[in-house]
PDB file of N, CA and C in Angstrom:
ATOM      1  N   MET A   1      11.502 -25.345  26.046  1.00  0.00           N
ATOM      2  CA  MET A   1      10.210 -25.890  25.616  1.00  0.00           C
ATOM      3  C   MET A   1      10.402 -26.740  24.358  1.00  0.00           C
ATOM      4  N   THR A   2      10.847 -27.948  24.547  1.00  0.00           N
ATOM      5  CA  THR A   2      11.018 -28.843  23.413  1.00  0.00           C
ATOM      6  C   THR A   2       9.956 -29.916  23.483  1.00  0.00           C
ATOM      7  N   GLY A   3       9.705 -30.560  22.361  1.00  0.00           N
ATOM      8  CA  GLY A   3       8.680 -31.597  22.342  1.00  0.00           C
ATOM      9  C   GLY A   3       7.497 -31.152  21.515  1.00  0.00           C
ATOM     10  N   THR A   4       6.553 -32.043  21.351  1.00  0.00           N
ATOM     11  CA  THR A   4       5.380 -31.744  20.533  1.00  0.00           C
ATOM     12  C   THR A   4       4.241 -31.256  21.414  1.00  0.00           C
ATOM     13  N   PRO A   5       3.611 -30.143  21.040  1.00  0.00           N
ATOM     14  CA  PRO A   5       2.459 -29.639  21.790  1.00  0.00           C
ATOM     15  C   PRO A   5       1.334 -30.670  21.797  1.00  0.00           C
ATOM     16  N   PRO A   6       0.434 -30.601  22.775  1.00  0.00           N
ATOM     17  CA  PRO A   6      -0.669 -31.560  22.874  1.00  0.00           C
ATOM     18  C   PRO A   6      -1.485 -31.644  21.592  1.00  0.00           C
ATOM     19  N   ARG A   7      -1.620 -30.507  20.899  1.00  0.00           N
ATOM     20  CA  ARG A   7      -2.452 -30.502  19.696  1.00  0.00           C
ATOM     21  C   ARG A   7      -1.713 -31.116  18.506  1.00  0.00           C
ATOM     22  N   GLY A   8      -0.404 -31.270  18.625  1.00  0.00           N
ATOM     23  CA  GLY A   8       0.355 -31.870  17.540  1.00  0.00           C
ATOM     24  C   GLY A   8       0.571 -30.907  16.389  1.00  0.00           C
ATOM     25  N   ALA A   9       0.319 -29.622  16.618  1.00  0.00           N
ATOM     26  CA  ALA A   9       0.510 -28.635  15.555  1.00  0.00           C
ATOM     27  C   ALA A   9       1.637 -27.689  15.945  1.00  0.00           C
ATOM     28  N   GLY A  10       2.622 -27.567  15.073  1.00  0.00           N
ATOM     29  CA  GLY A  10       3.745 -26.684  15.357  1.00  0.00           C
ATOM     30  C   GLY A  10       3.484 -25.294  14.807  1.00  0.00           C
ATOM     31  N   PRO A  11       4.413 -24.375  15.020  1.00  0.00           N
ATOM     32  CA  PRO A  11       4.258 -22.993  14.542  1.00  0.00           C
ATOM     33  C   PRO A  11       4.077 -22.919  13.033  1.00  0.00           C
ATOM     34  N   THR A  12       4.602 -23.906  12.307  1.00  0.00           N
ATOM     35  CA  THR A  12       4.516 -23.866  10.850  1.00  0.00           C
ATOM     36  C   THR A  12       3.402 -24.763  10.341  1.00  0.00           C
ATOM     37  N   ALA A  13       2.707 -25.441  11.254  1.00  0.00           N
ATOM     38  CA  ALA A  13       1.627 -26.336  10.837  1.00  0.00           C
ATOM     39  C   ALA A  13       0.331 -25.902  11.499  1.00  0.00           C
ATOM     40  N   GLY A  14      -0.768 -26.102  10.824  1.00  0.00           N
ATOM     41  CA  GLY A  14      -2.050 -25.722  11.393  1.00  0.00           C
ATOM     42  C   GLY A  14      -2.383 -24.277  11.083  1.00  0.00           C
ATOM     43  N   GLY A  15      -3.535 -23.838  11.542  1.00  0.00           N
ATOM     44  CA  GLY A  15      -3.983 -22.467  11.268  1.00  0.00           C
ATOM     45  C   GLY A  15      -3.526 -21.514  12.352  1.00  0.00           C
ATOM     46  N   GLY A  16      -3.934 -20.271  12.230  1.00  0.00           N
ATOM     47  CA  GLY A  16      -3.549 -19.249  13.197  1.00  0.00           C
ATOM     48  C   GLY A  16      -4.069 -19.573  14.588  1.00  0.00           C
ATOM     49  N   ALA A  17      -5.200 -20.272  14.660  1.00  0.00           N
ATOM     50  CA  ALA A  17      -5.778 -20.590  15.967  1.00  0.00           C
ATOM     51  C   ALA A  17      -4.839 -21.494  16.764  1.00  0.00           C
ATOM     52  N   ALA A  18      -4.217 -22.450  16.068  1.00  0.00           N
ATOM     53  CA  ALA A  18      -3.307 -23.364  16.758  1.00  0.00           C
ATOM     54  C   ALA A  18      -2.094 -22.604  17.279  1.00  0.00           C
ATOM     55  N   VAL A  19      -1.584 -21.695  16.469  1.00  0.00           N
ATOM     56  CA  VAL A  19      -0.422 -20.908  16.885  1.00  0.00           C
ATOM     57  C   VAL A  19      -0.802 -20.017  18.058  1.00  0.00           C
ATOM     58  N   PHE A  20      -1.982 -19.412  17.996  1.00  0.00           N
ATOM     59  CA  PHE A  20      -2.432 -18.543  19.085  1.00  0.00           C
ATOM     60  C   PHE A  20      -2.569 -19.334  20.376  1.00  0.00           C
ATOM     61  N   ALA A  21      -3.056 -20.569  20.262  1.00  0.00           N
ATOM     62  CA  ALA A  21      -3.212 -21.407  21.454  1.00  0.00           C
ATOM     63  C   ALA A  21      -1.852 -21.694  22.073  1.00  0.00           C
ATOM     64  N   GLN A  22      -0.847 -21.925  21.226  1.00  0.00           N
ATOM     65  CA  GLN A  22       0.493 -22.193  21.746  1.00  0.00           C
ATOM     66  C   GLN A  22       1.023 -20.964  22.470  1.00  0.00           C
ATOM     67  N   ILE A  23       0.822 -19.796  21.867  1.00  0.00           N
ATOM     68  CA  ILE A  23       1.296 -18.561  22.486  1.00  0.00           C
ATOM     69  C   ILE A  23       0.565 -18.335  23.803  1.00  0.00           C
ATOM     70  N   ASP A  24      -0.727 -18.701  23.841  1.00  0.00           N
ATOM     71  CA  ASP A  24      -1.546 -18.482  25.030  1.00  0.00           C
ATOM     72  C   ASP A  24      -0.975 -19.236  26.224  1.00  0.00           C
ATOM     73  N   TRP A  25      -0.569 -20.508  26.019  1.00  0.00           N
ATOM     74  CA  TRP A  25      -0.051 -21.267  27.154  1.00  0.00           C
ATOM     75  C   TRP A  25       1.417 -20.967  27.397  1.00  0.00           C
ATOM     76  N   ALA A  26       2.102 -20.439  26.388  1.00  0.00           N
ATOM     77  CA  ALA A  26       3.520 -20.152  26.540  1.00  0.00           C
ATOM     78  C   ALA A  26       3.751 -18.757  27.119  1.00  0.00           C
ATOM     79  N   ALA A  27       2.765 -17.878  27.000  1.00  0.00           N
ATOM     80  CA  ALA A  27       2.916 -16.494  27.436  1.00  0.00           C
ATOM     81  C   ALA A  27       3.430 -16.369  28.874  1.00  0.00           C
ATOM     82  N   PRO A  28       2.856 -17.099  29.829  1.00  0.00           N
ATOM     83  CA  PRO A  28       3.338 -16.965  31.215  1.00  0.00           C
ATOM     84  C   PRO A  28       4.810 -17.347  31.369  1.00  0.00           C
ATOM     85  N   TRP A  29       5.300 -18.234  30.502  1.00  0.00           N
ATOM     86  CA  TRP A  29       6.690 -18.658  30.589  1.00  0.00           C
ATOM     87  C   TRP A  29       7.613 -17.675  29.877  1.00  0.00           C
ATOM     88  N   LEU A  30       7.101 -17.039  28.819  1.00  0.00           N
ATOM     89  CA  LEU A  30       7.937 -16.135  28.034  1.00  0.00           C
ATOM     90  C   LEU A  30       7.910 -14.711  28.570  1.00  0.00           C
ATOM     91  N   ALA A  31       6.883 -14.373  29.326  1.00  0.00           N
ATOM     92  CA  ALA A  31       6.726 -13.005  29.815  1.00  0.00           C
ATOM     93  C   ALA A  31       7.984 -12.469  30.510  1.00  0.00           C
ATOM     94  N   PRO A  32       8.594 -13.230  31.417  1.00  0.00           N
ATOM     95  CA  PRO A  32       9.782 -12.697  32.106  1.00  0.00           C
ATOM     96  C   PRO A  32      10.952 -12.415  31.171  1.00  0.00           C
ATOM     97  N   TYR A  33      10.926 -12.998  29.983  1.00  0.00           N
ATOM     98  CA  TYR A  33      12.045 -12.825  29.051  1.00  0.00           C
ATOM     99  C   TYR A  33      11.703 -11.864  27.923  1.00  0.00           C
ATOM    100  N   ALA A  34      10.473 -11.387  27.901  1.00  0.00           N
ATOM    101  CA  ALA A  34      10.058 -10.508  26.811  1.00  0.00           C
ATOM    102  C   ALA A  34      10.704  -9.133  26.978  1.00  0.00           C
TER     103      ALA A  34
END
């Protein structure tokens, strides 16, 4: 998962909501590796 998210906010930029949104769409991809 490389590249810039649609919102343009990375894990270190933006508020907790932006990070939560990233986790929300990434969860289905990360679940098998959790």
